[in-house]
C-alpha cells in the first residue's frame, strides 16, 4: 500500500526536472494546476499532506535513502528543511491541522537495509521515536522514545487541537501536554487554512 498526497480539492504531483531537481504541483480535480516549490533530491521525493495548505516531503541528498524532510505550503514556498540522521523504516503520522502540528513516528534501525519482505529481525531495531513538529517552522516541540516498538504506529495519537500527545509505554498511556500556540503560530494556522 502507498500513501497518496490528496485531499478533497486535489493532489500533489511530483515532477522530475532533471539534474536531481524535482518540482511539486497541486492539481485540482477541476483541472487547474498550481506550480509549487522545487526540491533538490537524489531520489524521487515523497510528498505527504499534513493540512489543507501544507505538506511535507521526504527526499535524499547524499544517498538514495530518504534522510531529509522538508515542509512546503500551497503558496509555492519551502518553509523549512531538516536532516534525519538515523536510519529508519515505517514512518507513520498523526495530524492536527487546527493546531498547526503533526507527529512523525519512525522505527529506528541499526542498518539501512534491514528487512526482507515484511520480516524485521528484532536485533536490527534500535527503537522508535515519536516527534511532534510545528508545521510552519519544522520546530520540534516534543520527542518521545516509545517502548515497546510498534511498527504500525498504533501506539500514539495527537489530539485534534494539537495540544496533547498520547503514547503507549508498556502497560501505561503517557499524556504529554504541549505548549500553546504563539500568536505567530496561530497566524500561520489561519494562513494554512
C-alpha atoms as a PDB file:
ATOM      1  CA  UNK A   1       0.000   0.000   0.000  1.00  0.00           C
ATOM      2  CA  UNK A   2       1.046   3.539  -0.616  1.00  0.00           C
ATOM      3  CA  UNK A   3       0.131   6.977   0.596  1.00  0.00           C
ATOM      4  CA  UNK A   4      -1.477   9.349  -1.911  1.00  0.00           C
ATOM      5  CA  UNK A   5      -0.919  13.085  -1.216  1.00  0.00           C
ATOM      6  CA  UNK A   6      -4.537  14.037  -1.879  1.00  0.00           C
ATOM      7  CA  UNK A   7      -7.417  15.830  -0.208  1.00  0.00           C
ATOM      8  CA  UNK A   8     -10.954  16.784  -1.252  1.00  0.00           C
ATOM      9  CA  UNK A   9      -9.665  19.594  -3.523  1.00  0.00           C
ATOM     10  CA  UNK A  10      -6.901  17.770  -5.426  1.00  0.00           C
ATOM     11  CA  UNK A  11      -3.494  16.170  -5.108  1.00  0.00           C
ATOM     12  CA  UNK A  12       0.223  16.983  -5.064  1.00  0.00           C
ATOM     13  CA  UNK A  13       2.154  15.620  -8.035  1.00  0.00           C
ATOM     14  CA  UNK A  14       5.931  15.245  -8.261  1.00  0.00           C
ATOM     15  CA  UNK A  15       7.711  16.220 -11.489  1.00  0.00           C
ATOM     16  CA  UNK A  16      11.272  15.248 -12.434  1.00  0.00           C
ATOM     17  CA  UNK A  17      13.063  18.349 -13.723  1.00  0.00           C
ATOM     18  CA  UNK A  18      16.404  16.578 -14.234  1.00  0.00           C
ATOM     19  CA  UNK A  19      19.746  17.152 -12.541  1.00  0.00           C
ATOM     20  CA  UNK A  20      18.377  15.881  -9.196  1.00  0.00           C
ATOM     21  CA  UNK A  21      15.796  18.660  -9.090  1.00  0.00           C
ATOM     22  CA  UNK A  22      12.110  17.965  -8.569  1.00  0.00           C
ATOM     23  CA  UNK A  23       9.056  20.188  -8.626  1.00  0.00           C
ATOM     24  CA  UNK A  24       5.672  19.869  -6.962  1.00  0.00           C
ATOM     25  CA  UNK A  25       2.339  20.858  -8.495  1.00  0.00           C
ATOM     26  CA  UNK A  26      -1.081  20.916  -6.886  1.00  0.00           C
ATOM     27  CA  UNK A  27      -3.586  19.520  -9.372  1.00  0.00           C
ATOM     28  CA  UNK A  28      -7.199  20.279  -8.525  1.00  0.00           C
ATOM     29  CA  UNK A  29      -9.924  17.879  -9.575  1.00  0.00           C
ATOM     30  CA  UNK A  30     -11.409  20.690 -11.687  1.00  0.00           C
ATOM     31  CA  UNK A  31      -8.271  20.612 -13.870  1.00  0.00           C
ATOM     32  CA  UNK A  32      -6.380  23.631 -12.518  1.00  0.00           C
ATOM     33  CA  UNK A  33      -2.645  23.245 -11.911  1.00  0.00           C
ATOM     34  CA  UNK A  34      -0.763  25.363  -9.379  1.00  0.00           C
ATOM     35  CA  UNK A  35       3.020  25.254  -9.533  1.00  0.00           C
ATOM     36  CA  UNK A  36       4.600  24.861  -6.128  1.00  0.00           C
ATOM     37  CA  UNK A  37       8.165  24.781  -4.829  1.00  0.00           C
ATOM     38  CA  UNK A  38      11.151  22.940  -6.244  1.00  0.00           C
ATOM     39  CA  UNK A  39      13.128  20.454  -4.171  1.00  0.00           C
ATOM     40  CA  UNK A  40      16.645  19.099  -4.706  1.00  0.00           C
ATOM     41  CA  UNK A  41      16.862  15.365  -4.052  1.00  0.00           C
ATOM     42  CA  UNK A  42      18.924  12.445  -5.335  1.00  0.00           C
ATOM     43  CA  UNK A  43      15.820  10.210  -5.089  1.00  0.00           C
ATOM     44  CA  UNK A  44      12.185  10.778  -6.041  1.00  0.00           C
ATOM     45  CA  UNK A  45      10.653  12.772  -3.157  1.00  0.00           C
ATOM     46  CA  UNK A  46       7.578  11.524  -1.357  1.00  0.00           C
ATOM     47  CA  UNK A  47       5.055  14.292  -0.502  1.00  0.00           C
ATOM     48  CA  UNK A  48       2.533  13.875   2.335  1.00  0.00           C
ATOM     49  CA  UNK A  49      -0.259  16.375   3.040  1.00  0.00           C
ATOM     50  CA  UNK A  50      -0.309  17.464   6.689  1.00  0.00           C
ATOM     51  CA  UNK A  51      -3.116  20.036   6.287  1.00  0.00           C
ATOM     52  CA  UNK A  52      -5.178  21.616   3.509  1.00  0.00           C
ATOM     53  CA  UNK A  53      -2.495  24.194   2.854  1.00  0.00           C
ATOM     54  CA  UNK A  54       0.771  22.424   3.775  1.00  0.00           C
ATOM     55  CA  UNK A  55       2.685  19.269   3.003  1.00  0.00           C
ATOM     56  CA  UNK A  56       5.983  17.684   3.874  1.00  0.00           C
ATOM     57  CA  UNK A  57       8.244  15.719   1.544  1.00  0.00           C
ATOM     58  CA  UNK A  58      10.897  13.105   2.197  1.00  0.00           C
ATOM     59  CA  UNK A  59      13.958  13.264  -0.042  1.00  0.00           C
ATOM     60  CA  UNK A  60      17.631  12.308  -0.306  1.00  0.00           C
ATOM     61  CA  UNK A  61      20.767  14.405  -0.507  1.00  0.00           C
ATOM     62  CA  UNK A  62      23.854  12.195  -0.459  1.00  0.00           C
ATOM     63  CA  UNK A  63      22.360   8.741  -0.974  1.00  0.00           C
ATOM     64  CA  UNK A  64      19.163   7.058  -2.085  1.00  0.00           C
ATOM     65  CA  UNK A  65      17.872   6.773   1.471  1.00  0.00           C
ATOM     66  CA  UNK A  66      15.235   9.362   2.461  1.00  0.00           C
ATOM     67  CA  UNK A  67      17.217  11.223   5.126  1.00  0.00           C
ATOM     68  CA  UNK A  68      15.773  14.711   4.514  1.00  0.00           C
ATOM     69  CA  UNK A  69      12.325  16.049   5.351  1.00  0.00           C
ATOM     70  CA  UNK A  70      11.083  19.477   4.235  1.00  0.00           C
ATOM     71  CA  UNK A  71       7.906  21.478   4.797  1.00  0.00           C
ATOM     72  CA  UNK A  72       6.053  23.286   1.987  1.00  0.00           C
ATOM     73  CA  UNK A  73       2.946  25.420   1.638  1.00  0.00           C
ATOM     74  CA  UNK A  74       0.471  25.820  -1.211  1.00  0.00           C
ATOM     75  CA  UNK A  75       1.825  29.311  -1.920  1.00  0.00           C
ATOM     76  CA  UNK A  76       4.870  27.714  -3.548  1.00  0.00           C
ATOM     77  CA  UNK A  77       7.309  28.182  -0.653  1.00  0.00           C
ATOM     78  CA  UNK A  78       9.647  25.731   1.010  1.00  0.00           C
ATOM     79  CA  UNK A  79       9.197  26.662   4.664  1.00  0.00           C
ATOM     80  CA  UNK A  80      11.971  24.510   6.204  1.00  0.00           C
ATOM     81  CA  UNK A  81      14.245  21.529   5.671  1.00  0.00           C
ATOM     82  CA  UNK A  82      15.874  19.120   8.155  1.00  0.00           C
ATOM     83  CA  UNK A  83      18.142  16.094   8.070  1.00  0.00           C
ATOM     84  CA  UNK A  84      17.018  12.825   9.624  1.00  0.00           C
ATOM     85  CA  UNK A  85      20.386  11.343  10.618  1.00  0.00           C
ATOM     86  CA  UNK A  86      19.162   7.979  11.925  1.00  0.00           C
ATOM     87  CA  UNK A  87      18.327   5.064   9.632  1.00  0.00           C
ATOM     88  CA  UNK A  88      14.658   4.151   9.886  1.00  0.00           C
ATOM     89  CA  UNK A  89      11.698   2.326   8.416  1.00  0.00           C
ATOM     90  CA  UNK A  90       7.922   2.547   8.757  1.00  0.00           C
ATOM     91  CA  UNK A  91       7.268   6.294   9.111  1.00  0.00           C
ATOM     92  CA  UNK A  92       3.755   6.879  10.421  1.00  0.00           C
ATOM     93  CA  UNK A  93       1.885  10.089  11.127  1.00  0.00           C
ATOM     94  CA  UNK A  94      -0.796  11.808  13.119  1.00  0.00           C
ATOM     95  CA  UNK A  95      -2.078  15.232  12.057  1.00  0.00           C
ATOM     96  CA  UNK A  96      -3.628  18.183  13.896  1.00  0.00           C
ATOM     97  CA  UNK A  97      -4.125  20.859  11.195  1.00  0.00           C
ATOM     98  CA  UNK A  98      -6.175  23.041  13.582  1.00  0.00           C
ATOM     99  CA  UNK A  99      -3.146  23.185  15.877  1.00  0.00           C
ATOM    100  CA  UNK A 100      -0.629  23.538  13.055  1.00  0.00           C
ATOM    101  CA  UNK A 101       1.146  20.375  14.177  1.00  0.00           C
ATOM    102  CA  UNK A 102       1.901  16.856  13.051  1.00  0.00           C
ATOM    103  CA  UNK A 103       3.625  13.825  14.527  1.00  0.00           C
ATOM    104  CA  UNK A 104       6.217  11.701  12.754  1.00  0.00           C
ATOM    105  CA  UNK A 105       6.998   8.287  14.222  1.00  0.00           C
ATOM    106  CA  UNK A 106       9.897   6.198  12.904  1.00  0.00           C
ATOM    107  CA  UNK A 107      11.204   2.760  13.772  1.00  0.00           C
ATOM    108  CA  UNK A 108      14.948   3.345  14.090  1.00  0.00           C
ATOM    109  CA  UNK A 109      17.300   0.665  12.825  1.00  0.00           C
ATOM    110  CA  UNK A 110      20.963  -0.264  13.171  1.00  0.00           C
ATOM    111  CA  UNK A 111      21.336  -0.628   9.384  1.00  0.00           C
ATOM    112  CA  UNK A 112      19.844   0.994   6.290  1.00  0.00           C
ATOM    113  CA  UNK A 113      18.970  -2.413   4.780  1.00  0.00           C
ATOM    114  CA  UNK A 114      17.099  -4.309   7.461  1.00  0.00           C
ATOM    115  CA  UNK A 115      14.073  -6.034   6.034  1.00  0.00           C
ATOM    116  CA  UNK A 116      13.189  -8.758   3.615  1.00  0.00           C
ATOM    117  CA  UNK A 117       9.518  -8.514   2.772  1.00  0.00           C
ATOM    118  CA  UNK A 118       7.620  -7.987   5.999  1.00  0.00           C
ATOM    119  CA  UNK A 119      10.194  -9.763   8.154  1.00  0.00           C
ATOM    120  CA  UNK A 120      12.105  -7.470  10.509  1.00  0.00           C
ATOM    121  CA  UNK A 121      14.731  -9.025  12.710  1.00  0.00           C
ATOM    122  CA  UNK A 122      14.405  -7.706  16.308  1.00  0.00           C
ATOM    123  CA  UNK A 123      18.182  -7.339  16.723  1.00  0.00           C
ATOM    124  CA  UNK A 124      18.196  -4.761  13.898  1.00  0.00           C
ATOM    125  CA  UNK A 125      15.690  -2.474  15.673  1.00  0.00           C
ATOM    126  CA  UNK A 126      17.256   0.419  17.607  1.00  0.00           C
ATOM    127  CA  UNK A 127      13.990   1.864  18.934  1.00  0.00           C
ATOM    128  CA  UNK A 128      11.035   4.028  17.987  1.00  0.00           C
ATOM    129  CA  UNK A 129      10.948   7.787  18.226  1.00  0.00           C
ATOM    130  CA  UNK A 130       7.888   9.951  18.039  1.00  0.00           C
ATOM    131  CA  UNK A 131       8.381  13.649  17.272  1.00  0.00           C
ATOM    132  CA  UNK A 132       5.796  16.434  17.340  1.00  0.00           C
ATOM    133  CA  UNK A 133       6.565  19.181  14.792  1.00  0.00           C
ATOM    134  CA  UNK A 134       5.215  22.684  14.342  1.00  0.00           C
ATOM    135  CA  UNK A 135       4.197  22.518  10.672  1.00  0.00           C
ATOM    136  CA  UNK A 136       5.058  26.063   9.542  1.00  0.00           C
ATOM    137  CA  UNK A 137       8.587  26.135  11.021  1.00  0.00           C
ATOM    138  CA  UNK A 138       9.613  22.492  11.421  1.00  0.00           C
ATOM    139  CA  UNK A 139      10.360  23.211  15.067  1.00  0.00           C
ATOM    140  CA  UNK A 140      10.450  20.031  17.138  1.00  0.00           C
ATOM    141  CA  UNK A 141       8.097  20.507  20.064  1.00  0.00           C
ATOM    142  CA  UNK A 142       8.488  17.110  21.725  1.00  0.00           C
ATOM    143  CA  UNK A 143      10.469  13.921  21.141  1.00  0.00           C
ATOM    144  CA  UNK A 144       9.481  10.693  22.895  1.00  0.00           C
ATOM    145  CA  UNK A 145      11.146   7.292  22.639  1.00  0.00           C
ATOM    146  CA  UNK A 146       8.486   4.581  22.816  1.00  0.00           C
ATOM    147  CA  UNK A 147       8.813   1.069  24.196  1.00  0.00           C
ATOM    148  CA  UNK A 148       7.849  -1.442  23.089  1.00  0.00           C
ATOM    149  CA  UNK A 149       8.308  -0.531  19.434  1.00  0.00           C
ATOM    150  CA  UNK A 150       5.123  -0.667  17.386  1.00  0.00           C
ATOM    151  CA  UNK A 151       5.857  -0.734  13.677  1.00  0.00           C
ATOM    152  CA  UNK A 152       2.366   0.252  12.531  1.00  0.00           C
ATOM    153  CA  UNK A 153       2.413   3.404  14.672  1.00  0.00           C
ATOM    154  CA  UNK A 154      -0.649   2.397  16.638  1.00  0.00           C
ATOM    155  CA  UNK A 155       0.916   3.401  19.929  1.00  0.00           C
ATOM    156  CA  UNK A 156       0.488   7.180  19.726  1.00  0.00           C
ATOM    157  CA  UNK A 157      -2.164   9.790  18.959  1.00  0.00           C
ATOM    158  CA  UNK A 158      -2.179  13.568  18.643  1.00  0.00           C
ATOM    159  CA  UNK A 159      -5.268  15.404  19.881  1.00  0.00           C
ATOM    160  CA  UNK A 160      -7.178  17.203  17.082  1.00  0.00           C
ATOM    161  CA  UNK A 161      -6.257  20.584  18.619  1.00  0.00           C
ATOM    162  CA  UNK A 162      -2.539  19.626  18.675  1.00  0.00           C
ATOM    163  CA  UNK A 163      -2.218  20.302  22.404  1.00  0.00           C
ATOM    164  CA  UNK A 164      -1.821  16.733  23.757  1.00  0.00           C
ATOM    165  CA  UNK A 165       0.154  13.697  22.635  1.00  0.00           C
ATOM    166  CA  UNK A 166      -0.713  10.231  23.962  1.00  0.00           C
ATOM    167  CA  UNK A 167       1.937   7.494  23.808  1.00  0.00           C
ATOM    168  CA  UNK A 168       1.617   3.861  24.893  1.00  0.00           C
ATOM    169  CA  UNK A 169       4.615   2.913  27.038  1.00  0.00           C
ATOM    170  CA  UNK A 170       4.374  -0.737  28.092  1.00  0.00           C
ATOM    171  CA  UNK A 171       1.104  -1.111  30.022  1.00  0.00           C
ATOM    172  CA  UNK A 172       0.528   2.626  30.517  1.00  0.00           C
ATOM    173  CA  UNK A 173      -0.547   5.560  28.402  1.00  0.00           C
ATOM    174  CA  UNK A 174       1.520   8.722  28.842  1.00  0.00           C
ATOM    175  CA  UNK A 175      -0.190  12.040  28.153  1.00  0.00           C
ATOM    176  CA  UNK A 176       2.130  14.884  27.160  1.00  0.00           C
ATOM    177  CA  UNK A 177       0.717  18.409  27.346  1.00  0.00           C
ATOM    178  CA  UNK A 178       2.168  20.521  24.533  1.00  0.00           C
ATOM    179  CA  UNK A 179       2.736  24.283  24.665  1.00  0.00           C
ATOM    180  CA  UNK A 180       0.062  26.692  23.500  1.00  0.00           C
ATOM    181  CA  UNK A 181       0.444  28.275  20.093  1.00  0.00           C
ATOM    182  CA  UNK A 182       2.216  31.611  19.934  1.00  0.00           C
ATOM    183  CA  UNK A 183       0.449  34.485  18.136  1.00  0.00           C
ATOM    184  CA  UNK A 184       2.744  33.903  15.136  1.00  0.00           C
ATOM    185  CA  UNK A 185       1.870  30.188  15.089  1.00  0.00           C
ATOM    186  CA  UNK A 186      -1.877  30.962  15.314  1.00  0.00           C
ATOM    187  CA  UNK A 187      -1.473  33.289  12.319  1.00  0.00           C
ATOM    188  CA  UNK A 188       0.347  30.529  10.389  1.00  0.00           C
ATOM    189  CA  UNK A 189      -2.541  28.100  11.106  1.00  0.00           C
ATOM    190  CA  UNK A 190      -5.058  30.643   9.752  1.00  0.00           C
ATOM    191  CA  UNK A 191      -2.938  31.190   6.666  1.00  0.00           C
ATOM    192  CA  UNK A 192      -2.670  27.407   6.070  1.00  0.00           C
ATOM    193  CA  UNK A 193      -6.444  27.039   6.301  1.00  0.00           C
END
